[in-house]
């Protein structure tokens, strides 16, 4: 698994919640659909707009390519 906390704005508790949902790599995070992101923000991390605020998907794409 990748260190999701390398993504700015994604701390250990958020990373743990994502891992519990089966998201363990930058590639998985980068490939999330808008619908999946909306569900995660509402039901899992309970923080609307968090993905876009810190550009988690964009950061994950860059890290996946590195």
N, C-alpha and C. Protein backbone atom coordinates (compact mmCIF):
# COMPACT_ATOMS: atom_id res chain seq x y z
N UNK A 1 0.83 -1.22 0.00
CA UNK A 1 0.00 0.00 0.00
C UNK A 1 0.86 1.27 0.00
N UNK A 2 0.32 2.32 -0.58
CA UNK A 2 1.01 3.61 -0.61
C UNK A 2 0.75 4.38 0.68
N UNK A 3 1.62 5.31 0.99
CA UNK A 3 1.45 6.18 2.16
C UNK A 3 0.53 7.33 1.78
N UNK A 4 -0.76 7.17 2.03
CA UNK A 4 -1.74 8.19 1.64
C UNK A 4 -1.51 9.51 2.37
N UNK A 5 -0.81 9.48 3.49
CA UNK A 5 -0.56 10.72 4.22
C UNK A 5 0.47 11.61 3.50
N UNK A 6 1.08 11.11 2.43
CA UNK A 6 1.98 11.93 1.62
C UNK A 6 1.18 12.97 0.82
N UNK A 7 -0.13 12.80 0.78
CA UNK A 7 -1.01 13.75 0.10
C UNK A 7 -1.32 14.88 1.07
N UNK A 8 -1.01 16.10 0.67
CA UNK A 8 -1.24 17.26 1.53
C UNK A 8 -2.71 17.36 1.92
N UNK A 9 -2.96 17.53 3.21
CA UNK A 9 -4.32 17.66 3.71
C UNK A 9 -4.97 16.33 4.09
N UNK A 10 -4.28 15.23 3.85
CA UNK A 10 -4.82 13.91 4.16
C UNK A 10 -3.99 13.32 5.29
N UNK A 11 -4.51 13.45 6.49
CA UNK A 11 -3.79 12.99 7.67
C UNK A 11 -4.02 11.53 7.98
N UNK A 12 -3.41 11.05 9.06
CA UNK A 12 -3.51 9.64 9.43
C UNK A 12 -4.94 9.14 9.64
N UNK A 13 -5.78 9.94 10.26
CA UNK A 13 -7.16 9.46 10.52
C UNK A 13 -7.95 9.35 9.22
N UNK A 14 -7.76 10.30 8.29
CA UNK A 14 -8.43 10.22 6.99
C UNK A 14 -7.89 9.04 6.20
N UNK A 15 -6.58 8.84 6.24
CA UNK A 15 -5.97 7.71 5.53
C UNK A 15 -6.52 6.39 6.05
N UNK A 16 -6.69 6.29 7.36
CA UNK A 16 -7.24 5.07 7.95
C UNK A 16 -8.66 4.82 7.45
N UNK A 17 -9.47 5.86 7.40
CA UNK A 17 -10.85 5.72 6.92
C UNK A 17 -10.87 5.27 5.46
N UNK A 18 -9.97 5.83 4.65
CA UNK A 18 -9.91 5.42 3.24
C UNK A 18 -9.44 3.97 3.11
N UNK A 19 -8.44 3.59 3.90
CA UNK A 19 -7.97 2.19 3.88
C UNK A 19 -9.10 1.24 4.26
N UNK A 20 -9.92 1.63 5.22
CA UNK A 20 -11.04 0.78 5.63
C UNK A 20 -12.06 0.61 4.50
N UNK A 21 -12.06 1.55 3.57
CA UNK A 21 -12.94 1.46 2.40
C UNK A 21 -12.25 0.74 1.24
N UNK A 22 -11.03 0.24 1.48
CA UNK A 22 -10.30 -0.50 0.46
C UNK A 22 -9.43 0.35 -0.44
N UNK A 23 -9.29 1.63 -0.12
CA UNK A 23 -8.46 2.53 -0.92
C UNK A 23 -7.08 2.58 -0.27
N UNK A 24 -6.12 1.90 -0.90
CA UNK A 24 -4.80 1.76 -0.29
C UNK A 24 -3.68 2.29 -1.19
N UNK A 25 -4.02 2.76 -2.40
CA UNK A 25 -2.97 3.22 -3.31
C UNK A 25 -3.33 4.57 -3.92
N UNK A 26 -2.29 5.25 -4.39
CA UNK A 26 -2.49 6.52 -5.08
C UNK A 26 -3.34 6.30 -6.33
N UNK A 27 -3.08 5.22 -7.04
CA UNK A 27 -3.82 4.93 -8.28
C UNK A 27 -5.31 4.77 -8.00
N UNK A 28 -5.65 4.09 -6.93
CA UNK A 28 -7.07 3.92 -6.57
C UNK A 28 -7.71 5.26 -6.26
N UNK A 29 -7.02 6.08 -5.51
CA UNK A 29 -7.53 7.40 -5.15
C UNK A 29 -7.70 8.26 -6.40
N UNK A 30 -6.72 8.19 -7.29
CA UNK A 30 -6.76 8.99 -8.52
C UNK A 30 -7.89 8.57 -9.45
N UNK A 31 -8.31 7.31 -9.37
CA UNK A 31 -9.32 6.77 -10.28
C UNK A 31 -10.75 6.92 -9.77
N UNK A 32 -10.95 7.52 -8.60
CA UNK A 32 -12.30 7.64 -8.05
C UNK A 32 -13.19 8.51 -8.95
N UNK A 33 -14.43 8.08 -9.10
CA UNK A 33 -15.40 8.87 -9.86
C UNK A 33 -15.99 9.95 -8.96
N UNK A 34 -16.66 10.91 -9.58
CA UNK A 34 -17.32 11.97 -8.81
C UNK A 34 -18.32 11.38 -7.83
N UNK A 35 -19.04 10.36 -8.25
CA UNK A 35 -20.03 9.71 -7.39
C UNK A 35 -19.38 9.03 -6.20
N UNK A 36 -18.26 8.36 -6.44
CA UNK A 36 -17.54 7.71 -5.35
C UNK A 36 -17.00 8.74 -4.37
N UNK A 37 -16.48 9.83 -4.90
CA UNK A 37 -15.97 10.90 -4.04
C UNK A 37 -17.09 11.48 -3.18
N UNK A 38 -18.23 11.73 -3.79
CA UNK A 38 -19.37 12.28 -3.05
C UNK A 38 -19.79 11.33 -1.93
N UNK A 39 -19.82 10.04 -2.20
CA UNK A 39 -20.21 9.06 -1.18
C UNK A 39 -19.17 9.03 -0.06
N UNK A 40 -17.90 9.04 -0.42
CA UNK A 40 -16.85 9.02 0.61
C UNK A 40 -16.91 10.27 1.49
N UNK A 41 -17.10 11.43 0.86
CA UNK A 41 -17.18 12.67 1.64
C UNK A 41 -18.38 12.66 2.58
N UNK A 42 -19.49 12.14 2.12
CA UNK A 42 -20.72 12.15 2.92
C UNK A 42 -20.70 11.07 4.00
N UNK A 43 -20.35 9.84 3.62
CA UNK A 43 -20.53 8.71 4.52
C UNK A 43 -19.28 8.27 5.28
N UNK A 44 -18.10 8.58 4.77
CA UNK A 44 -16.89 8.04 5.37
C UNK A 44 -16.07 9.11 6.07
N UNK A 45 -15.64 10.12 5.33
CA UNK A 45 -14.80 11.14 5.97
C UNK A 45 -15.62 12.28 6.55
N UNK A 46 -16.88 12.35 6.18
CA UNK A 46 -17.82 13.33 6.73
C UNK A 46 -17.30 14.77 6.63
N UNK A 47 -16.80 15.10 5.44
CA UNK A 47 -16.25 16.42 5.20
C UNK A 47 -16.48 16.78 3.74
N UNK A 48 -17.56 17.47 3.47
CA UNK A 48 -17.93 17.82 2.10
C UNK A 48 -16.90 18.75 1.46
N UNK A 49 -16.52 18.44 0.23
CA UNK A 49 -15.61 19.28 -0.52
C UNK A 49 -14.14 19.07 -0.20
N UNK A 50 -13.84 18.14 0.65
CA UNK A 50 -12.46 17.93 1.09
C UNK A 50 -11.57 17.47 -0.06
N UNK A 51 -12.08 16.60 -0.90
CA UNK A 51 -11.27 16.10 -2.02
C UNK A 51 -10.85 17.25 -2.94
N UNK A 52 -11.79 18.12 -3.26
CA UNK A 52 -11.47 19.21 -4.20
C UNK A 52 -10.67 20.32 -3.52
N UNK A 53 -10.94 20.59 -2.25
CA UNK A 53 -10.24 21.66 -1.54
C UNK A 53 -8.74 21.46 -1.58
N UNK A 54 -8.30 20.24 -1.30
CA UNK A 54 -6.87 19.94 -1.27
C UNK A 54 -6.40 19.21 -2.52
N UNK A 55 -7.27 19.05 -3.51
CA UNK A 55 -6.95 18.37 -4.77
C UNK A 55 -6.32 17.00 -4.53
N UNK A 56 -6.99 16.20 -3.71
CA UNK A 56 -6.46 14.87 -3.39
C UNK A 56 -6.30 14.01 -4.64
N UNK A 57 -7.25 14.10 -5.57
CA UNK A 57 -7.17 13.28 -6.78
C UNK A 57 -5.97 13.71 -7.63
N UNK A 58 -5.80 15.00 -7.81
CA UNK A 58 -4.66 15.50 -8.58
C UNK A 58 -3.33 15.13 -7.94
N UNK A 59 -3.25 15.27 -6.63
CA UNK A 59 -2.03 14.90 -5.92
C UNK A 59 -1.76 13.40 -6.07
N UNK A 60 -2.82 12.60 -5.95
CA UNK A 60 -2.68 11.15 -6.07
C UNK A 60 -2.21 10.77 -7.47
N UNK A 61 -2.71 11.46 -8.49
CA UNK A 61 -2.26 11.18 -9.86
C UNK A 61 -0.77 11.44 -10.01
N UNK A 62 -0.32 12.56 -9.48
CA UNK A 62 1.10 12.90 -9.57
C UNK A 62 1.97 11.88 -8.81
N UNK A 63 1.53 11.50 -7.64
CA UNK A 63 2.29 10.52 -6.85
C UNK A 63 2.29 9.15 -7.50
N UNK A 64 1.19 8.78 -8.14
CA UNK A 64 1.10 7.48 -8.80
C UNK A 64 2.08 7.39 -9.98
N UNK A 65 2.34 8.53 -10.61
CA UNK A 65 3.26 8.56 -11.75
C UNK A 65 4.71 8.63 -11.33
N UNK A 66 4.95 9.05 -10.09
CA UNK A 66 6.34 9.25 -9.62
C UNK A 66 7.07 7.93 -9.44
